[in-house]
């Protein structure tokens, strides 16, 4: 499944085949139509304008989503012909709510994740995003004009790490998004801390400024530790 944040552009890709699992083939009269799965009129097309053709049987469409496009799932459906026979392809695209300035996740994201909206949710998300940024100081990845990763996988990792950071803060009783827990130890350049109160087995763990679950999300995406960089960069 493909996802895109409101107001951003995602390139949709279709690979057209003569028959299922057959060779890629060029088609004629290719169009794309994007429709809300929940129902309603198409938000794109059917249109052939903007469709690219980078290789045999492979087509792309850069969908610049409007800022006000309702969040939710959309069906991107491709239709063309090959030797007079119809050829189709489709995929589901999830449009995510646009985060507030300075945050990697939106209030809507947080409500979906927690099942409720905490007080000062937007502020918590901005502060959690700053914590996430501290863990990215040695990560190397391409960014767009807004300073966000061009990789959908990295963008999703930052979003999920931010949500986990807010959840960790709230779970520890930190409703402001500020401060650290006391105690812990240092491992190389990482500071590992335990929350006060409760047994050691049940106490949540912090790695640097991040709660363990938020750190795990970034680690699994390859965004922690020392990545390749210019000498003296980190």
Foldseek 3Di string as FASTA:
>chain_A
DAEEEAQAKDKDKFAWAPDVVHDTADFPPKFKWKAAPVDDDTPDDSDPPQWDDPDGRMIIHIDRHHLPPDFAKIKIKMWGDDPRHIIIDIDIYTYFYHDDPQFLHHQVVLCVVPVHGAPPNNQLRNLLLVLVVVQQQQFDADADPSRHGPDPLVSVLSHVLSSQQSVVCVVLVNPRSDDDADAAADDVPWTKHWHPDDDPVPTWIAIHSGTPVSVVSCVVSVRGDHDDDDPPSD
